[in-house]
Protein backbone atom coordinates (compact mmCIF):
# COMPACT_ATOMS: atom_id res chain seq x y z
CA MET A 1 -16.66 1.39 -1.62
CA LYS A 2 -15.82 -1.71 0.42
CA ALA A 3 -12.31 -2.42 1.67
CA ALA A 4 -11.97 -5.58 -0.46
CA GLN A 5 -12.76 -3.60 -3.63
CA LEU A 6 -10.31 -0.85 -2.69
CA GLU A 7 -7.67 -3.46 -1.94
CA LYS A 8 -8.00 -4.97 -5.42
CA ILE A 9 -7.76 -1.55 -7.08
CA VAL A 10 -4.69 -0.62 -5.01
CA VAL A 11 -2.86 -3.90 -5.63
CA ALA A 12 -3.59 -3.72 -9.37
CA ALA A 13 -2.35 -0.11 -9.50
CA LEU A 14 0.87 -1.08 -7.71
CA GLU A 15 1.44 -4.13 -9.91
CA ASP A 16 0.72 -2.04 -13.01
CA ILE A 17 3.92 -0.05 -12.62
CA LYS A 18 6.13 -2.68 -11.00
CA GLY A 19 5.59 -2.16 -7.28
CA LYS A 20 7.62 -4.73 -5.38
CA ASP A 21 6.93 -7.01 -2.41
CA ILE A 22 3.28 -6.03 -2.15
CA GLU A 23 1.70 -7.21 1.09
CA VAL A 24 -1.85 -6.80 2.33
CA ILE A 25 -2.51 -6.99 6.06
CA ASN A 26 -6.04 -7.39 7.35
CA THR A 27 -6.29 -5.14 10.43
CA ARG A 28 -10.05 -5.40 10.96
CA LYS A 29 -9.61 -7.24 14.28
CA LEU A 30 -6.75 -5.00 15.42
CA THR A 31 -8.16 -1.48 15.05
CA PRO A 32 -11.46 0.20 14.24
CA LEU A 33 -9.65 2.90 12.24
CA PHE A 34 -9.12 0.93 9.00
CA GLU A 35 -9.54 -2.61 7.65
CA ARG A 36 -6.45 -3.13 5.51
CA ILE A 37 -2.88 -1.95 5.22
CA VAL A 38 -1.16 -2.36 1.87
CA VAL A 39 2.64 -2.13 1.94
CA ALA A 40 4.79 -2.00 -1.19
CA SER A 41 8.30 -1.02 -2.20
CA GLY A 42 9.61 1.22 -4.95
CA ASP A 43 13.19 1.35 -6.24
CA SER A 44 13.75 5.11 -5.98
CA ASN A 45 12.13 8.37 -4.88
CA ARG A 46 10.68 8.79 -8.35
CA HIS A 47 9.33 5.22 -8.41
CA VAL A 48 7.73 5.58 -4.96
CA ARG A 49 6.03 8.84 -6.00
CA SER A 50 4.87 7.29 -9.29
CA LEU A 51 3.39 4.29 -7.49
CA ALA A 52 1.48 6.60 -5.13
CA ARG A 53 0.20 8.73 -8.01
CA ASN A 54 -0.96 5.65 -9.90
CA VAL A 55 -2.83 4.40 -6.81
CA GLU A 56 -4.50 7.81 -6.46
CA ASP A 57 -5.43 7.91 -10.15
CA LYS A 58 -6.93 4.40 -10.19
CA VAL A 59 -8.86 4.99 -6.97
CA ARG A 60 -10.32 8.23 -8.33
CA GLU A 61 -11.24 6.50 -11.62
CA ALA A 62 -13.15 3.91 -9.59
CA GLY A 63 -15.08 6.68 -7.88
CA ALA A 64 -13.56 6.35 -4.41
CA GLU A 65 -12.24 9.17 -2.27
CA ILE A 66 -8.64 9.83 -1.24
CA LEU A 67 -8.62 11.27 2.27
CA SER A 68 -4.99 12.37 2.26
CA THR A 69 -1.53 11.71 0.92
CA GLU A 70 1.67 12.32 2.90
CA GLY A 71 5.37 12.14 2.06
CA GLU A 72 5.34 12.87 -1.66
CA GLU A 73 7.96 15.59 -1.32
CA ALA A 74 10.75 13.30 -0.17
CA GLY A 75 9.54 10.13 -1.89
CA GLU A 76 11.11 7.76 0.60
CA TRP A 77 7.79 6.82 2.20
CA VAL A 78 4.42 7.89 0.80
CA LEU A 79 1.22 7.15 2.70
CA VAL A 80 -2.10 7.21 0.84
CA ASP A 81 -5.13 7.20 3.17
CA LEU A 82 -8.26 5.79 1.54
CA GLY A 83 -10.24 5.41 4.75
CA ASP A 84 -10.73 1.66 5.11
CA VAL A 85 -7.44 1.00 3.31
CA VAL A 86 -4.14 2.69 4.12
CA VAL A 87 -1.34 2.34 1.56
CA HIS A 88 2.35 2.62 2.51
CA ILE A 89 4.82 2.81 -0.38
CA MET A 90 8.45 2.85 0.72
CA GLN A 91 11.99 2.49 -0.43
CA PRO A 92 13.45 -0.84 0.75
CA ALA A 93 15.75 0.63 3.45
CA ILE A 94 12.90 2.61 5.02
CA ARG A 95 10.58 -0.39 4.84
CA SER A 96 13.14 -2.62 6.51
CA TYR A 97 13.80 -0.09 9.27
CA TYR A 98 10.15 0.48 10.23
CA ALA A 99 9.00 -3.14 9.66
CA LEU A 100 5.28 -2.32 9.47
CA GLU A 101 4.45 -5.89 8.47
CA GLU A 102 5.83 -7.17 11.78
CA LEU A 103 4.16 -4.41 13.75
CA TRP A 104 0.69 -4.94 12.26
CA GLY A 105 0.67 -8.38 10.73
CA GLY A 106 2.95 -10.82 12.41
CA LYS A 107 2.54 -14.23 10.82
CA GLY A 108 -1.15 -14.81 11.64
CA PRO A 109 -3.79 -16.27 9.33
CA GLU A 110 -5.28 -12.82 8.56
CA ARG A 111 -2.14 -11.83 6.68
CA VAL A 112 -2.11 -12.12 2.90
CA ARG A 113 1.13 -11.99 0.94
CA ARG A 114 1.27 -11.02 -2.70
CA ILE A 115 4.45 -10.90 -4.72
CA ALA A 116 4.18 -8.53 -7.66
CA ASP A 117 7.67 -9.13 -8.98
CA ALA A 118 7.52 -12.95 -9.12
CA ALA A 119 8.58 -12.93 -12.76
CA ALA A 120 11.74 -10.96 -12.00
């Protein structure tokens, strides 16, 4: 499955159960390891774990493979590796501390911002 298709599935899965501040960073020109990073926030350990599980479920339903999942025990930061797309779901304090968007995305034209909680 192509990265753009995986990205749509992941973003929809995150939006489906109220993932917050969803951002997609195109890393194709930065690394050969993966094409996209999706970063989202969850309100609590339970919410972060639920978001990760929903991403896994929707990806499997679409017939794609999940290479690995890390961090489910603590629920502060869960990483779901889908190969061409890597998903980071974090609690806001952890996300702010590690600032992955700044590390990988900066403010360049390849960066795409999506706000899932615009209605809130």
